């Protein structure tokens, strides 16, 4: 494929065609990374008749080197540390706790904004498809993978419309399956592969989660 995706919804529909083997699995869960990954994930969940939720993570950046992640946190008190980074930079527990406290405030704000008072999804023993609108360096996706793996899914699949080839190869060693439609040699920016890459809003995220719950599983609350 060399042409651009019309928007995130079209990209999600195209990705879903590569994931049909998972259709109607009772223990399937599709998780979108807010905000841009949610419209993509919505179309996948709709096509596979699966519940949709979000994978909300906050990277724990090393002080003064915020792009370097020393760990990640998620709702429900889940925290994963990258001990290679922590040990090599001799980061003490007090520093880790201070960064965690700061990021926890933002995590709570976003969790309320997106999910409201709805419960967290059950991940243990589920087949989880983790979705974003694209992957460049993969730092956010790696944080999401670490968070999900800690909760013991039966199988973990990463699905994205576009990714940098080197990141795609690296992620293959971290999850059970990586599904990607386009791997341009020179990625530059994710948005260049979409005709419409306008920012997904908090309102859109909430709306898509609510629509998916009603359409696919009207008798249950998954989000």
C-alpha atoms as a PDB file:
ATOM      1  CA  UNK A   1       0.000   0.000   0.000  1.00  0.00           C
ATOM      2  CA  UNK A   2       1.389   3.400  -0.996  1.00  0.00           C
ATOM      3  CA  UNK A   3      -1.660   5.686  -0.750  1.00  0.00           C
ATOM      4  CA  UNK A   4      -2.691   7.438   2.437  1.00  0.00           C
ATOM      5  CA  UNK A   5      -5.460   6.342   4.788  1.00  0.00           C
ATOM      6  CA  UNK A   6      -8.475   8.624   4.538  1.00  0.00           C
ATOM      7  CA  UNK A   7      -8.686   8.837   8.325  1.00  0.00           C
ATOM      8  CA  UNK A   8      -8.278   6.696  11.447  1.00  0.00           C
ATOM      9  CA  UNK A   9     -11.628   4.979  10.929  1.00  0.00           C
ATOM     10  CA  UNK A  10     -10.680   3.795   7.446  1.00  0.00           C
ATOM     11  CA  UNK A  11      -7.338   2.582   8.789  1.00  0.00           C
ATOM     12  CA  UNK A  12      -9.169   0.616  11.484  1.00  0.00           C
ATOM     13  CA  UNK A  13     -11.458  -1.046   8.953  1.00  0.00           C
ATOM     14  CA  UNK A  14      -8.471  -2.080   6.865  1.00  0.00           C
ATOM     15  CA  UNK A  15      -6.633  -3.438   9.898  1.00  0.00           C
ATOM     16  CA  UNK A  16      -9.703  -5.430  10.924  1.00  0.00           C
ATOM     17  CA  UNK A  17      -9.487  -7.390   7.657  1.00  0.00           C
ATOM     18  CA  UNK A  18      -6.084  -8.659   8.802  1.00  0.00           C
ATOM     19  CA  UNK A  19      -7.491  -9.740  12.160  1.00  0.00           C
ATOM     20  CA  UNK A  20     -10.539 -11.773  11.115  1.00  0.00           C
ATOM     21  CA  UNK A  21      -9.138 -14.918  12.758  1.00  0.00           C
ATOM     22  CA  UNK A  22     -10.109 -13.380  16.105  1.00  0.00           C
ATOM     23  CA  UNK A  23     -13.767 -12.740  15.215  1.00  0.00           C
ATOM     24  CA  UNK A  24     -16.320 -13.667  17.905  1.00  0.00           C
ATOM     25  CA  UNK A  25     -13.786 -14.918  20.462  1.00  0.00           C
ATOM     26  CA  UNK A  26     -15.528 -14.707  23.838  1.00  0.00           C
ATOM     27  CA  UNK A  27     -12.362 -13.673  25.676  1.00  0.00           C
ATOM     28  CA  UNK A  28     -11.243 -11.082  23.115  1.00  0.00           C
ATOM     29  CA  UNK A  29     -10.633  -7.497  24.209  1.00  0.00           C
ATOM     30  CA  UNK A  30      -9.602  -4.594  21.974  1.00  0.00           C
ATOM     31  CA  UNK A  31      -7.691  -1.791  23.699  1.00  0.00           C
ATOM     32  CA  UNK A  32      -7.056   1.553  22.013  1.00  0.00           C
ATOM     33  CA  UNK A  33      -4.311   3.934  23.118  1.00  0.00           C
ATOM     34  CA  UNK A  34      -5.927   7.342  23.694  1.00  0.00           C
ATOM     35  CA  UNK A  35      -6.545   9.391  21.975  1.00  0.00           C
ATOM     36  CA  UNK A  36      -5.648   8.653  18.372  1.00  0.00           C
ATOM     37  CA  UNK A  37      -5.708   4.890  18.733  1.00  0.00           C
ATOM     38  CA  UNK A  38      -9.330   4.778  19.849  1.00  0.00           C
ATOM     39  CA  UNK A  39     -11.038   5.440  16.462  1.00  0.00           C
ATOM     40  CA  UNK A  40      -8.810   2.761  14.904  1.00  0.00           C
ATOM     41  CA  UNK A  41      -9.605   0.336  17.724  1.00  0.00           C
ATOM     42  CA  UNK A  42     -13.329   1.111  17.487  1.00  0.00           C
ATOM     43  CA  UNK A  43     -13.504  -0.170  13.914  1.00  0.00           C
ATOM     44  CA  UNK A  44     -11.550  -3.304  14.822  1.00  0.00           C
ATOM     45  CA  UNK A  45     -13.782  -4.055  17.806  1.00  0.00           C
ATOM     46  CA  UNK A  46     -16.883  -3.473  15.684  1.00  0.00           C
ATOM     47  CA  UNK A  47     -15.677  -5.816  12.930  1.00  0.00           C
ATOM     48  CA  UNK A  48     -14.583  -8.566  15.328  1.00  0.00           C
ATOM     49  CA  UNK A  49     -17.664  -8.265  17.569  1.00  0.00           C
ATOM     50  CA  UNK A  50     -15.458  -7.556  20.574  1.00  0.00           C
ATOM     51  CA  UNK A  51     -15.624  -5.191  23.543  1.00  0.00           C
ATOM     52  CA  UNK A  52     -13.615  -1.986  23.277  1.00  0.00           C
ATOM     53  CA  UNK A  53     -11.732  -0.233  26.043  1.00  0.00           C
ATOM     54  CA  UNK A  54      -8.714   2.006  26.388  1.00  0.00           C
ATOM     55  CA  UNK A  55      -5.177   1.237  27.475  1.00  0.00           C
ATOM     56  CA  UNK A  56      -4.332   4.330  29.450  1.00  0.00           C
ATOM     57  CA  UNK A  57      -0.675   4.552  30.430  1.00  0.00           C
ATOM     58  CA  UNK A  58       1.705   7.246  31.607  1.00  0.00           C
ATOM     59  CA  UNK A  59       5.398   6.860  31.036  1.00  0.00           C
ATOM     60  CA  UNK A  60       7.647   7.550  34.012  1.00  0.00           C
ATOM     61  CA  UNK A  61      10.323   9.726  32.458  1.00  0.00           C
ATOM     62  CA  UNK A  62      13.801  10.064  33.902  1.00  0.00           C
ATOM     63  CA  UNK A  63      14.151  13.574  35.415  1.00  0.00           C
ATOM     64  CA  UNK A  64      15.770  15.929  32.881  1.00  0.00           C
ATOM     65  CA  UNK A  65      15.529  13.143  30.294  1.00  0.00           C
ATOM     66  CA  UNK A  66      11.749  12.765  30.128  1.00  0.00           C
ATOM     67  CA  UNK A  67      11.790  10.933  26.794  1.00  0.00           C
ATOM     68  CA  UNK A  68      13.756   8.120  28.444  1.00  0.00           C
ATOM     69  CA  UNK A  69      11.234   5.923  30.247  1.00  0.00           C
ATOM     70  CA  UNK A  70      12.204   4.308  33.535  1.00  0.00           C
ATOM     71  CA  UNK A  71       8.768   2.737  33.819  1.00  0.00           C
ATOM     72  CA  UNK A  72       5.051   3.228  33.341  1.00  0.00           C
ATOM     73  CA  UNK A  73       1.849   3.349  35.369  1.00  0.00           C
ATOM     74  CA  UNK A  74      -1.770   2.497  34.616  1.00  0.00           C
ATOM     75  CA  UNK A  75      -5.103   2.814  36.450  1.00  0.00           C
ATOM     76  CA  UNK A  76      -5.712   0.348  39.252  1.00  0.00           C
ATOM     77  CA  UNK A  77      -2.346   0.850  40.933  1.00  0.00           C
ATOM     78  CA  UNK A  78      -0.352  -0.919  38.217  1.00  0.00           C
ATOM     79  CA  UNK A  79       3.291   0.127  37.930  1.00  0.00           C
ATOM     80  CA  UNK A  80       6.063  -1.397  35.827  1.00  0.00           C
ATOM     81  CA  UNK A  81       9.711  -0.341  36.152  1.00  0.00           C
ATOM     82  CA  UNK A  82      12.487  -0.666  33.597  1.00  0.00           C
ATOM     83  CA  UNK A  83      15.247  -1.846  35.910  1.00  0.00           C
ATOM     84  CA  UNK A  84      17.874  -1.617  33.171  1.00  0.00           C
ATOM     85  CA  UNK A  85      17.343   2.149  33.111  1.00  0.00           C
ATOM     86  CA  UNK A  86      16.820   2.486  36.870  1.00  0.00           C
ATOM     87  CA  UNK A  87      19.984   0.584  37.739  1.00  0.00           C
ATOM     88  CA  UNK A  88      22.239   2.001  35.028  1.00  0.00           C
ATOM     89  CA  UNK A  89      21.370   5.587  36.022  1.00  0.00           C
ATOM     90  CA  UNK A  90      21.286   4.749  39.756  1.00  0.00           C
ATOM     91  CA  UNK A  91      17.826   6.241  40.189  1.00  0.00           C
ATOM     92  CA  UNK A  92      16.732   6.025  43.821  1.00  0.00           C
ATOM     93  CA  UNK A  93      13.287   5.006  45.057  1.00  0.00           C
ATOM     94  CA  UNK A  94      12.474   8.530  46.234  1.00  0.00           C
ATOM     95  CA  UNK A  95      12.942   9.907  42.720  1.00  0.00           C
ATOM     96  CA  UNK A  96      10.814   7.119  41.271  1.00  0.00           C
ATOM     97  CA  UNK A  97       8.051   7.815  43.798  1.00  0.00           C
ATOM     98  CA  UNK A  98       8.136  11.569  43.104  1.00  0.00           C
ATOM     99  CA  UNK A  99       7.775  11.045  39.353  1.00  0.00           C
ATOM    100  CA  UNK A 100       5.066   8.433  39.944  1.00  0.00           C
ATOM    101  CA  UNK A 101       3.078  10.845  42.129  1.00  0.00           C
ATOM    102  CA  UNK A 102       3.243  13.569  39.470  1.00  0.00           C
ATOM    103  CA  UNK A 103       2.208  11.273  36.639  1.00  0.00           C
ATOM    104  CA  UNK A 104      -0.494   9.661  38.757  1.00  0.00           C
ATOM    105  CA  UNK A 105      -2.345  12.978  38.977  1.00  0.00           C
ATOM    106  CA  UNK A 106      -2.477  13.247  35.187  1.00  0.00           C
ATOM    107  CA  UNK A 107      -3.389   9.571  34.869  1.00  0.00           C
ATOM    108  CA  UNK A 108      -6.348  10.009  37.216  1.00  0.00           C
ATOM    109  CA  UNK A 109      -7.506  13.113  35.349  1.00  0.00           C
ATOM    110  CA  UNK A 110      -7.443  11.317  32.013  1.00  0.00           C
ATOM    111  CA  UNK A 111      -9.030   8.175  33.412  1.00  0.00           C
ATOM    112  CA  UNK A 112     -11.988  10.184  34.705  1.00  0.00           C
ATOM    113  CA  UNK A 113     -12.199  12.150  31.437  1.00  0.00           C
ATOM    114  CA  UNK A 114     -12.295   9.011  29.290  1.00  0.00           C
ATOM    115  CA  UNK A 115     -13.840   6.327  31.457  1.00  0.00           C
ATOM    116  CA  UNK A 116     -15.825   8.200  34.112  1.00  0.00           C
ATOM    117  CA  UNK A 117     -16.911   5.788  36.830  1.00  0.00           C
ATOM    118  CA  UNK A 118     -16.922   2.701  34.621  1.00  0.00           C
ATOM    119  CA  UNK A 119     -14.823  -0.256  35.817  1.00  0.00           C
ATOM    120  CA  UNK A 120     -11.440  -1.260  34.435  1.00  0.00           C
ATOM    121  CA  UNK A 121     -11.426  -4.090  31.883  1.00  0.00           C
ATOM    122  CA  UNK A 122     -10.482  -7.652  32.812  1.00  0.00           C
ATOM    123  CA  UNK A 123      -7.221  -8.486  31.036  1.00  0.00           C
ATOM    124  CA  UNK A 124      -6.080 -11.704  32.711  1.00  0.00           C
ATOM    125  CA  UNK A 125      -6.576 -14.766  30.469  1.00  0.00           C
ATOM    126  CA  UNK A 126      -7.955 -12.595  27.655  1.00  0.00           C
ATOM    127  CA  UNK A 127      -6.744 -12.246  24.086  1.00  0.00           C
ATOM    128  CA  UNK A 128      -5.813  -8.573  23.928  1.00  0.00           C
ATOM    129  CA  UNK A 129      -5.399  -6.558  20.732  1.00  0.00           C
ATOM    130  CA  UNK A 130      -3.512  -3.364  21.524  1.00  0.00           C
ATOM    131  CA  UNK A 131      -4.162  -0.626  18.955  1.00  0.00           C
ATOM    132  CA  UNK A 132      -2.692   2.763  18.077  1.00  0.00           C
ATOM    133  CA  UNK A 133      -2.856   4.982  14.986  1.00  0.00           C
ATOM    134  CA  UNK A 134       0.836   4.440  14.275  1.00  0.00           C
ATOM    135  CA  UNK A 135       4.214   3.701  15.832  1.00  0.00           C
ATOM    136  CA  UNK A 136       7.413   5.686  15.376  1.00  0.00           C
ATOM    137  CA  UNK A 137       9.902   5.082  18.205  1.00  0.00           C
ATOM    138  CA  UNK A 138       7.473   2.789  20.017  1.00  0.00           C
ATOM    139  CA  UNK A 139       8.067   4.196  23.509  1.00  0.00           C
ATOM    140  CA  UNK A 140       4.369   4.642  24.315  1.00  0.00           C
ATOM    141  CA  UNK A 141       3.449   1.255  22.856  1.00  0.00           C
ATOM    142  CA  UNK A 142       6.226  -0.413  24.857  1.00  0.00           C
ATOM    143  CA  UNK A 143       4.849   1.135  28.034  1.00  0.00           C
ATOM    144  CA  UNK A 144       1.392  -0.175  27.136  1.00  0.00           C
ATOM    145  CA  UNK A 145       2.800  -3.638  26.386  1.00  0.00           C
ATOM    146  CA  UNK A 146       4.555  -3.757  29.754  1.00  0.00           C
ATOM    147  CA  UNK A 147       1.377  -2.743  31.570  1.00  0.00           C
ATOM    148  CA  UNK A 148      -0.785  -5.307  29.756  1.00  0.00           C
ATOM    149  CA  UNK A 149       1.723  -8.156  30.113  1.00  0.00           C
ATOM    150  CA  UNK A 150       1.884  -7.624  33.865  1.00  0.00           C
ATOM    151  CA  UNK A 151      -1.841  -8.436  33.975  1.00  0.00           C
ATOM    152  CA  UNK A 152      -1.282 -11.852  32.339  1.00  0.00           C
ATOM    153  CA  UNK A 153      -3.248 -11.869  29.070  1.00  0.00           C
ATOM    154  CA  UNK A 154      -3.641 -15.188  27.268  1.00  0.00           C
ATOM    155  CA  UNK A 155      -2.293 -13.635  24.075  1.00  0.00           C
ATOM    156  CA  UNK A 156      -1.128 -10.131  23.214  1.00  0.00           C
ATOM    157  CA  UNK A 157      -1.395  -8.688  19.712  1.00  0.00           C
ATOM    158  CA  UNK A 158      -0.262  -5.229  18.595  1.00  0.00           C
ATOM    159  CA  UNK A 159      -2.169  -3.776  15.620  1.00  0.00           C
ATOM    160  CA  UNK A 160      -1.293  -0.488  13.908  1.00  0.00           C
ATOM    161  CA  UNK A 161      -1.872   0.956  10.435  1.00  0.00           C
ATOM    162  CA  UNK A 162       1.692   2.263  10.035  1.00  0.00           C
ATOM    163  CA  UNK A 163       5.010   1.704  11.800  1.00  0.00           C
ATOM    164  CA  UNK A 164       8.718   2.281  11.420  1.00  0.00           C
ATOM    165  CA  UNK A 165      10.270  -0.991  10.167  1.00  0.00           C
ATOM    166  CA  UNK A 166      12.891  -1.213  12.910  1.00  0.00           C
ATOM    167  CA  UNK A 167      10.280  -0.668  15.623  1.00  0.00           C
ATOM    168  CA  UNK A 168       8.032  -3.278  14.024  1.00  0.00           C
ATOM    169  CA  UNK A 169      10.856  -5.814  14.153  1.00  0.00           C
ATOM    170  CA  UNK A 170      11.675  -4.996  17.768  1.00  0.00           C
ATOM    171  CA  UNK A 171       8.063  -5.328  18.899  1.00  0.00           C
ATOM    172  CA  UNK A 172       7.764  -8.762  17.303  1.00  0.00           C
ATOM    173  CA  UNK A 173      10.065 -10.044  20.040  1.00  0.00           C
ATOM    174  CA  UNK A 174       7.923  -8.492  22.783  1.00  0.00           C
ATOM    175  CA  UNK A 175       4.403  -9.703  21.921  1.00  0.00           C
ATOM    176  CA  UNK A 176       2.746 -12.733  20.337  1.00  0.00           C
ATOM    177  CA  UNK A 177       1.877 -11.002  17.073  1.00  0.00           C
ATOM    178  CA  UNK A 178       2.311  -7.628  15.386  1.00  0.00           C
ATOM    179  CA  UNK A 179      -0.085  -6.658  12.584  1.00  0.00           C
ATOM    180  CA  UNK A 180       0.828  -3.619  10.490  1.00  0.00           C
ATOM    181  CA  UNK A 181      -0.375  -2.434   7.081  1.00  0.00           C
ATOM    182  CA  UNK A 182       2.417  -0.063   6.080  1.00  0.00           C
ATOM    183  CA  UNK A 183       6.098   0.026   7.043  1.00  0.00           C
ATOM    184  CA  UNK A 184       7.648   2.898   5.083  1.00  0.00           C
ATOM    185  CA  UNK A 185      11.429   2.977   4.999  1.00  0.00           C
ATOM    186  CA  UNK A 186      11.320   6.681   5.855  1.00  0.00           C
ATOM    187  CA  UNK A 187       8.441   7.264   8.247  1.00  0.00           C
ATOM    188  CA  UNK A 188       9.124  10.920   9.194  1.00  0.00           C
ATOM    189  CA  UNK A 189       5.733  11.430  10.891  1.00  0.00           C
ATOM    190  CA  UNK A 190       2.657   9.258  11.452  1.00  0.00           C
ATOM    191  CA  UNK A 191       0.318  12.019  10.303  1.00  0.00           C
ATOM    192  CA  UNK A 192       1.806  12.048   6.806  1.00  0.00           C
ATOM    193  CA  UNK A 193       0.119   8.690   6.169  1.00  0.00           C
ATOM    194  CA  UNK A 194      -3.365  10.100   6.780  1.00  0.00           C
ATOM    195  CA  UNK A 195      -5.365  12.542   4.680  1.00  0.00           C
ATOM    196  CA  UNK A 196      -7.196  13.560   7.863  1.00  0.00           C
ATOM    197  CA  UNK A 197      -5.042  13.361  10.992  1.00  0.00           C
ATOM    198  CA  UNK A 198      -6.984  15.892  13.047  1.00  0.00           C
ATOM    199  CA  UNK A 199      -6.677  15.454  16.787  1.00  0.00           C
ATOM    200  CA  UNK A 200      -9.106  13.030  18.434  1.00  0.00           C
ATOM    201  CA  UNK A 201     -10.904  14.787  21.294  1.00  0.00           C
ATOM    202  CA  UNK A 202     -11.815  13.532  24.764  1.00  0.00           C
ATOM    203  CA  UNK A 203     -15.476  13.763  23.754  1.00  0.00           C
ATOM    204  CA  UNK A 204     -14.867  11.529  20.730  1.00  0.00           C
ATOM    205  CA  UNK A 205     -13.080   8.954  22.890  1.00  0.00           C
ATOM    206  CA  UNK A 206     -15.990   8.789  25.342  1.00  0.00           C
ATOM    207  CA  UNK A 207     -18.514   8.623  22.505  1.00  0.00           C
ATOM    208  CA  UNK A 208     -16.748   5.758  20.722  1.00  0.00           C
ATOM    209  CA  UNK A 209     -16.402   3.759  23.936  1.00  0.00           C
ATOM    210  CA  UNK A 210     -20.101   4.202  24.658  1.00  0.00           C
ATOM    211  CA  UNK A 211     -21.149   3.320  21.098  1.00  0.00           C
ATOM    212  CA  UNK A 212     -19.037   0.169  21.073  1.00  0.00           C
ATOM    213  CA  UNK A 213     -20.471  -1.025  24.372  1.00  0.00           C
ATOM    214  CA  UNK A 214     -24.042  -0.601  23.147  1.00  0.00           C
ATOM    215  CA  UNK A 215     -23.502  -2.064  19.664  1.00  0.00           C
ATOM    216  CA  UNK A 216     -21.403  -5.117  20.525  1.00  0.00           C
ATOM    217  CA  UNK A 217     -22.474  -5.964  24.069  1.00  0.00           C
ATOM    218  CA  UNK A 218     -25.632  -4.093  25.087  1.00  0.00           C
ATOM    219  CA  UNK A 219     -26.093  -6.197  28.235  1.00  0.00           C
ATOM    220  CA  UNK A 220     -22.598  -5.572  29.609  1.00  0.00           C
ATOM    221  CA  UNK A 221     -20.338  -2.670  30.509  1.00  0.00           C
ATOM    222  CA  UNK A 222     -16.784  -3.066  29.286  1.00  0.00           C
ATOM    223  CA  UNK A 223     -15.554   0.483  29.411  1.00  0.00           C
END
